[in-house]
Amino acid sequence: MIHHHLIQFFAFVAAVLITAKMVPGIRVKSIGGGIVFSLVFALLNKLLFVPLVMFTFPIVVISLGLFLVIINAFIFWLTDKIVKGVEVDGFGAAILGSVVVTLVNWGITWALRVLA
């Protein structure tokens, strides 16, 4: 069980590092910075995602769930403000970065599942 969570975590770290190479406005200063960013993002996501969705539920429903991208980008941006090892230039980069990290993480996780 813990093995699965570690694989998922390091897949997310890899997704952050790959995203920093792909998205202008996102820079990772070191692998350690990427690891700390991933840890803080996971913690903030666990603590804030559900309360933010509940608070903005009418907007989430009206937007057919697309507002969830904004919530995820907000947590991504907030993580940048807390962690000094990653730099995100503005909320637009946070939106694009959070979408790309999600897609890359999904792709890595899918590939690992297929290869296992």
Protein backbone atom coordinates (compact mmCIF):
# COMPACT_ATOMS: atom_id res chain seq x y z
CA MET A 1 0.00 0.00 0.00
CA ILE A 2 2.72 2.51 0.95
CA HIS A 3 4.64 1.37 -2.12
CA HIS A 4 1.75 2.50 -4.33
CA HIS A 5 1.64 5.94 -2.66
CA LEU A 6 5.39 6.41 -3.11
CA ILE A 7 5.15 5.58 -6.80
CA GLN A 8 2.27 8.04 -7.17
CA PHE A 9 4.22 10.71 -5.31
CA PHE A 10 7.35 10.35 -7.42
CA ALA A 11 5.22 10.30 -10.56
CA PHE A 12 3.85 13.66 -9.42
CA VAL A 13 7.38 14.97 -8.75
CA ALA A 14 8.36 13.89 -12.28
CA ALA A 15 5.24 15.62 -13.64
CA VAL A 16 6.23 18.87 -11.88
CA LEU A 17 9.77 18.67 -13.28
CA ILE A 18 8.52 17.92 -16.81
CA THR A 19 5.95 20.73 -16.59
CA ALA A 20 8.66 23.20 -15.62
CA LYS A 21 10.43 22.35 -18.89
CA MET A 22 7.23 22.65 -20.95
CA VAL A 23 5.41 25.68 -19.51
CA PRO A 24 6.94 29.13 -19.75
CA GLY A 25 6.69 30.93 -16.44
CA ILE A 26 7.31 27.87 -14.26
CA ARG A 27 10.82 27.16 -13.02
CA VAL A 28 12.07 24.48 -10.66
CA LYS A 29 15.40 25.45 -9.08
CA SER A 30 16.36 21.89 -8.07
CA ILE A 31 14.99 18.38 -7.77
CA GLY A 32 14.74 18.97 -4.02
CA GLY A 33 12.61 22.03 -4.74
CA GLY A 34 10.35 19.88 -6.91
CA ILE A 35 10.02 17.30 -4.13
CA VAL A 36 9.19 19.94 -1.51
CA PHE A 37 6.73 21.60 -3.91
CA SER A 38 5.02 18.24 -4.48
CA LEU A 39 4.79 17.53 -0.74
CA VAL A 40 3.34 20.95 0.06
CA PHE A 41 0.96 20.78 -2.91
CA ALA A 42 -0.32 17.38 -1.78
CA LEU A 43 -0.83 18.66 1.76
CA LEU A 44 -2.61 21.83 0.66
CA ASN A 45 -4.70 19.84 -1.79
CA LYS A 46 -5.84 17.49 1.00
CA LEU A 47 -6.61 20.40 3.33
CA LEU A 48 -8.14 22.95 0.93
CA PHE A 49 -9.65 21.25 -2.13
CA VAL A 50 -12.87 19.93 -0.59
CA PRO A 51 -13.63 23.07 1.46
CA LEU A 52 -13.01 25.27 -1.60
CA VAL A 53 -15.26 23.07 -3.76
CA MET A 54 -17.98 23.21 -1.11
CA PHE A 55 -17.66 26.99 -0.79
CA THR A 56 -17.78 27.53 -4.56
CA PHE A 57 -20.21 24.69 -5.33
CA PRO A 58 -22.73 26.83 -7.25
CA ILE A 59 -19.95 28.13 -9.53
CA VAL A 60 -18.62 24.59 -10.01
CA VAL A 61 -22.08 23.39 -11.04
CA ILE A 62 -22.78 26.34 -13.35
CA SER A 63 -19.39 25.91 -15.04
CA LEU A 64 -19.99 22.16 -15.41
CA GLY A 65 -16.92 21.45 -13.28
CA LEU A 66 -14.51 23.69 -15.16
CA PHE A 67 -14.12 25.89 -12.08
CA LEU A 68 -12.28 22.94 -10.51
CA VAL A 69 -9.35 23.89 -12.78
CA ILE A 70 -9.32 27.34 -11.16
CA ILE A 71 -9.39 25.81 -7.67
CA ASN A 72 -6.51 23.49 -8.57
CA ALA A 73 -4.59 26.44 -10.08
CA PHE A 74 -5.18 28.45 -6.90
CA ILE A 75 -3.67 25.64 -4.80
CA PHE A 76 -0.78 25.41 -7.30
CA TRP A 77 -0.21 29.19 -7.03
CA LEU A 78 -0.48 29.10 -3.22
CA THR A 79 2.09 26.31 -3.10
CA ASP A 80 4.43 28.50 -5.14
CA LYS A 81 4.05 31.28 -2.57
CA ILE A 82 5.00 28.89 0.26
CA VAL A 83 7.83 26.92 -1.42
CA LYS A 84 10.90 28.82 -2.57
CA GLY A 85 12.27 26.03 -4.79
CA VAL A 86 9.68 26.59 -7.53
CA GLU A 87 8.71 29.86 -9.22
CA VAL A 88 5.38 30.45 -10.96
CA ASP A 89 5.02 33.75 -12.85
CA GLY A 90 1.41 34.71 -12.21
CA PHE A 91 -1.94 33.04 -12.08
CA GLY A 92 -2.05 32.34 -15.82
CA ALA A 93 1.09 30.22 -15.53
CA ALA A 94 -0.46 28.53 -12.50
CA ILE A 95 -3.57 27.62 -14.50
CA LEU A 96 -1.56 26.23 -17.41
CA GLY A 97 0.92 24.56 -15.04
CA SER A 98 -1.76 22.84 -12.98
CA VAL A 99 -3.45 21.51 -16.12
CA VAL A 100 -0.17 20.26 -17.61
CA VAL A 101 0.95 18.70 -14.30
CA THR A 102 -2.38 16.89 -14.06
CA LEU A 103 -2.16 15.58 -17.63
CA VAL A 104 1.50 14.57 -17.36
CA ASN A 105 0.89 12.91 -13.99
CA TRP A 106 -2.07 11.03 -15.45
CA GLY A 107 0.08 9.88 -18.38
CA ILE A 108 2.96 8.72 -16.17
CA THR A 109 0.60 6.91 -13.79
CA TRP A 110 -1.21 5.25 -16.71
CA ALA A 111 2.10 4.15 -18.27
CA LEU A 112 3.33 2.71 -14.97
CA ARG A 113 0.07 0.81 -14.55
CA VAL A 114 0.31 -0.62 -18.08
CA LEU A 115 3.96 -1.62 -17.61
CA ALA A 116 3.36 -3.26 -14.22
